[in-house]
Amino acid sequence: MISYSPFWETLKNSIETTYTLINKHHISSATIDKLRKNKPMNTTTLNDLCRILDCKLEDIAEYIPNENDQKL
């Protein structure tokens, strides 16, 4: 499972807020909702968030093994 919990800590430590992400950087409210609910996200969006927050991917997302993951 991909968790976006690091995103919230990174956002808290930045000058940005969800308001500025939506209104200044044109990140959709649906994307913010996906981050809240750990839903799948486009890598282009992850790239945009890294650029906006001047951070690395691991500052936004992390992989957590989960028994409910699809079997390969």
N, C-alpha and C. Protein backbone atom coordinates (compact mmCIF):
# COMPACT_ATOMS: atom_id res chain seq x y z
N MET A 1 0.85 -1.17 0.00
CA MET A 1 0.00 0.00 0.00
C MET A 1 0.90 1.24 0.00
N ILE A 2 0.51 2.21 -0.78
CA ILE A 2 1.21 3.48 -0.78
C ILE A 2 0.51 4.41 0.22
N SER A 3 1.29 4.95 1.12
CA SER A 3 0.76 5.88 2.12
C SER A 3 1.31 7.27 1.84
N TYR A 4 0.44 8.25 1.95
CA TYR A 4 0.86 9.64 1.76
C TYR A 4 1.01 10.38 3.09
N SER A 5 1.18 9.64 4.16
CA SER A 5 1.35 10.30 5.47
C SER A 5 2.59 11.19 5.51
N PRO A 6 3.69 10.84 4.82
CA PRO A 6 4.83 11.78 4.83
C PRO A 6 4.49 13.14 4.20
N PHE A 7 3.55 13.13 3.25
CA PHE A 7 3.15 14.39 2.61
C PHE A 7 2.65 15.39 3.63
N TRP A 8 1.84 14.93 4.57
CA TRP A 8 1.22 15.85 5.53
C TRP A 8 2.27 16.47 6.45
N GLU A 9 3.28 15.71 6.82
CA GLU A 9 4.37 16.26 7.64
C GLU A 9 5.20 17.25 6.83
N THR A 10 5.47 16.90 5.58
CA THR A 10 6.22 17.80 4.69
C THR A 10 5.46 19.08 4.48
N LEU A 11 4.16 18.97 4.25
CA LEU A 11 3.32 20.16 4.05
C LEU A 11 3.31 21.03 5.31
N LYS A 12 3.21 20.41 6.46
CA LYS A 12 3.20 21.13 7.73
C LYS A 12 4.49 21.93 7.94
N ASN A 13 5.60 21.38 7.46
CA ASN A 13 6.89 22.04 7.63
C ASN A 13 7.24 23.01 6.50
N SER A 14 6.33 23.18 5.56
CA SER A 14 6.59 24.08 4.43
C SER A 14 5.78 25.38 4.60
N ILE A 15 5.99 26.30 3.68
CA ILE A 15 5.21 27.55 3.71
C ILE A 15 3.87 27.38 3.01
N GLU A 16 3.68 26.23 2.36
CA GLU A 16 2.44 25.97 1.63
C GLU A 16 1.37 25.39 2.55
N THR A 17 0.13 25.51 2.10
CA THR A 17 -1.02 24.91 2.79
C THR A 17 -1.88 24.24 1.73
N THR A 18 -2.88 23.50 2.15
CA THR A 18 -3.79 22.93 1.14
C THR A 18 -4.46 24.06 0.36
N TYR A 19 -4.73 25.17 1.02
CA TYR A 19 -5.33 26.32 0.34
C TYR A 19 -4.43 26.83 -0.78
N THR A 20 -3.14 27.01 -0.51
CA THR A 20 -2.23 27.53 -1.54
C THR A 20 -1.99 26.48 -2.63
N LEU A 21 -1.98 25.20 -2.25
CA LEU A 21 -1.83 24.17 -3.28
C LEU A 21 -2.97 24.23 -4.28
N ILE A 22 -4.18 24.43 -3.77
CA ILE A 22 -5.36 24.49 -4.63
C ILE A 22 -5.44 25.80 -5.40
N ASN A 23 -5.28 26.91 -4.71
CA ASN A 23 -5.54 28.21 -5.33
C ASN A 23 -4.34 28.84 -6.03
N LYS A 24 -3.15 28.60 -5.55
CA LYS A 24 -1.97 29.19 -6.16
C LYS A 24 -1.32 28.24 -7.17
N HIS A 25 -1.27 26.94 -6.83
CA HIS A 25 -0.57 25.98 -7.67
C HIS A 25 -1.50 25.10 -8.49
N HIS A 26 -2.79 25.31 -8.36
CA HIS A 26 -3.82 24.62 -9.17
C HIS A 26 -3.81 23.11 -9.00
N ILE A 27 -3.50 22.66 -7.80
CA ILE A 27 -3.67 21.24 -7.45
C ILE A 27 -5.15 21.08 -7.11
N SER A 28 -5.80 20.10 -7.71
CA SER A 28 -7.25 19.97 -7.52
C SER A 28 -7.59 19.52 -6.10
N SER A 29 -8.79 19.87 -5.68
CA SER A 29 -9.26 19.41 -4.37
C SER A 29 -9.43 17.89 -4.38
N ALA A 30 -9.69 17.32 -5.55
CA ALA A 30 -9.79 15.86 -5.66
C ALA A 30 -8.44 15.21 -5.37
N THR A 31 -7.35 15.84 -5.78
CA THR A 31 -6.01 15.33 -5.49
C THR A 31 -5.74 15.39 -4.00
N ILE A 32 -6.12 16.48 -3.37
CA ILE A 32 -5.95 16.60 -1.90
C ILE A 32 -6.73 15.49 -1.22
N ASP A 33 -7.92 15.20 -1.71
CA ASP A 33 -8.75 14.13 -1.15
C ASP A 33 -8.07 12.77 -1.34
N LYS A 34 -7.45 12.55 -2.50
CA LYS A 34 -6.70 11.30 -2.73
C LYS A 34 -5.55 11.16 -1.75
N LEU A 35 -4.88 12.26 -1.48
CA LEU A 35 -3.79 12.23 -0.50
C LEU A 35 -4.32 11.88 0.89
N ARG A 36 -5.45 12.45 1.24
CA ARG A 36 -6.04 12.16 2.57
C ARG A 36 -6.41 10.69 2.71
N LYS A 37 -6.90 10.09 1.60
CA LYS A 37 -7.44 8.73 1.64
C LYS A 37 -6.48 7.67 1.10
N ASN A 38 -5.22 8.06 0.83
CA ASN A 38 -4.21 7.13 0.30
C ASN A 38 -4.69 6.42 -0.96
N LYS A 39 -5.32 7.16 -1.85
CA LYS A 39 -5.82 6.62 -3.11
C LYS A 39 -4.73 6.70 -4.17
N PRO A 40 -4.82 5.89 -5.22
CA PRO A 40 -3.81 5.93 -6.29
C PRO A 40 -3.70 7.33 -6.92
N MET A 41 -2.47 7.67 -7.30
CA MET A 41 -2.22 9.01 -7.83
C MET A 41 -1.26 8.93 -9.01
N ASN A 42 -1.44 9.81 -9.94
CA ASN A 42 -0.62 9.93 -11.13
C ASN A 42 0.80 10.38 -10.75
N THR A 43 1.81 9.81 -11.41
CA THR A 43 3.19 10.20 -11.10
C THR A 43 3.48 11.65 -11.51
N THR A 44 2.76 12.15 -12.48
CA THR A 44 2.92 13.56 -12.86
C THR A 44 2.51 14.46 -11.69
N THR A 45 1.45 14.09 -11.00
CA THR A 45 1.00 14.86 -9.84
C THR A 45 2.03 14.79 -8.72
N LEU A 46 2.58 13.60 -8.50
CA LEU A 46 3.62 13.46 -7.48
C LEU A 46 4.83 14.32 -7.83
N ASN A 47 5.18 14.36 -9.10
CA ASN A 47 6.28 15.21 -9.56
C ASN A 47 5.97 16.67 -9.27
N ASP A 48 4.75 17.10 -9.56
CA ASP A 48 4.34 18.49 -9.30
C ASP A 48 4.45 18.82 -7.82
N LEU A 49 4.00 17.91 -6.97
CA LEU A 49 4.06 18.15 -5.52
C LEU A 49 5.50 18.25 -5.04
N CYS A 50 6.37 17.39 -5.57
CA CYS A 50 7.79 17.46 -5.20
C CYS A 50 8.40 18.80 -5.63
N ARG A 51 8.03 19.25 -6.81
CA ARG A 51 8.54 20.53 -7.31
C ARG A 51 8.03 21.69 -6.46
N ILE A 52 6.74 21.69 -6.16
CA ILE A 52 6.13 22.77 -5.37
C ILE A 52 6.73 22.82 -3.97
N LEU A 53 6.86 21.65 -3.36
CA LEU A 53 7.33 21.58 -1.97
C LEU A 53 8.85 21.47 -1.86
N ASP A 54 9.51 21.42 -3.01
CA ASP A 54 10.97 21.31 -3.06
C ASP A 54 11.45 20.16 -2.17
N CYS A 55 10.95 18.97 -2.49
CA CYS A 55 11.26 17.80 -1.67
C CYS A 55 11.47 16.58 -2.56
N LYS A 56 11.81 15.47 -1.94
CA LYS A 56 11.99 14.20 -2.63
C LYS A 56 10.70 13.40 -2.54
N LEU A 57 10.58 12.40 -3.41
CA LEU A 57 9.38 11.56 -3.43
C LEU A 57 9.11 10.93 -2.08
N GLU A 58 10.17 10.49 -1.39
CA GLU A 58 9.97 9.86 -0.07
C GLU A 58 9.46 10.83 0.99
N ASP A 59 9.49 12.12 0.68
CA ASP A 59 8.90 13.12 1.59
C ASP A 59 7.39 13.25 1.37
N ILE A 60 6.88 12.55 0.36
CA ILE A 60 5.46 12.60 0.02
C ILE A 60 4.78 11.25 0.18
N ALA A 61 5.48 10.19 -0.21
CA ALA A 61 4.85 8.86 -0.22
C ALA A 61 5.81 7.81 0.32
N GLU A 62 5.21 6.73 0.84
CA GLU A 62 6.00 5.60 1.30
C GLU A 62 5.23 4.32 1.03
N TYR A 63 5.97 3.25 0.80
CA TYR A 63 5.35 1.94 0.60
C TYR A 63 5.28 1.21 1.93
N ILE A 64 4.09 0.72 2.26
CA ILE A 64 3.88 -0.07 3.47
C ILE A 64 3.31 -1.40 3.05
N PRO A 65 4.04 -2.51 3.27
CA PRO A 65 3.51 -3.82 2.90
C PRO A 65 2.17 -4.06 3.60
N ASN A 66 1.25 -4.68 2.88
CA ASN A 66 -0.10 -4.87 3.38
C ASN A 66 -0.61 -6.23 2.93
N GLU A 67 -1.24 -6.96 3.81
CA GLU A 67 -1.79 -8.28 3.46
C GLU A 67 -2.88 -8.20 2.41
N ASN A 68 -3.50 -7.02 2.27
CA ASN A 68 -4.59 -6.85 1.30
C ASN A 68 -4.08 -6.49 -0.09
N ASP A 69 -2.77 -6.34 -0.26
CA ASP A 69 -2.21 -6.05 -1.58
C ASP A 69 -2.52 -7.19 -2.53
N GLN A 70 -2.66 -6.86 -3.79
CA GLN A 70 -2.91 -7.87 -4.82
C GLN A 70 -1.76 -8.86 -4.87
N LYS A 71 -2.08 -10.13 -4.97
CA LYS A 71 -1.06 -11.18 -5.07
C LYS A 71 -0.46 -11.14 -6.47
N LEU A 72 0.85 -11.32 -6.55
CA LEU A 72 1.54 -11.32 -7.84
C LEU A 72 1.83 -12.72 -8.30
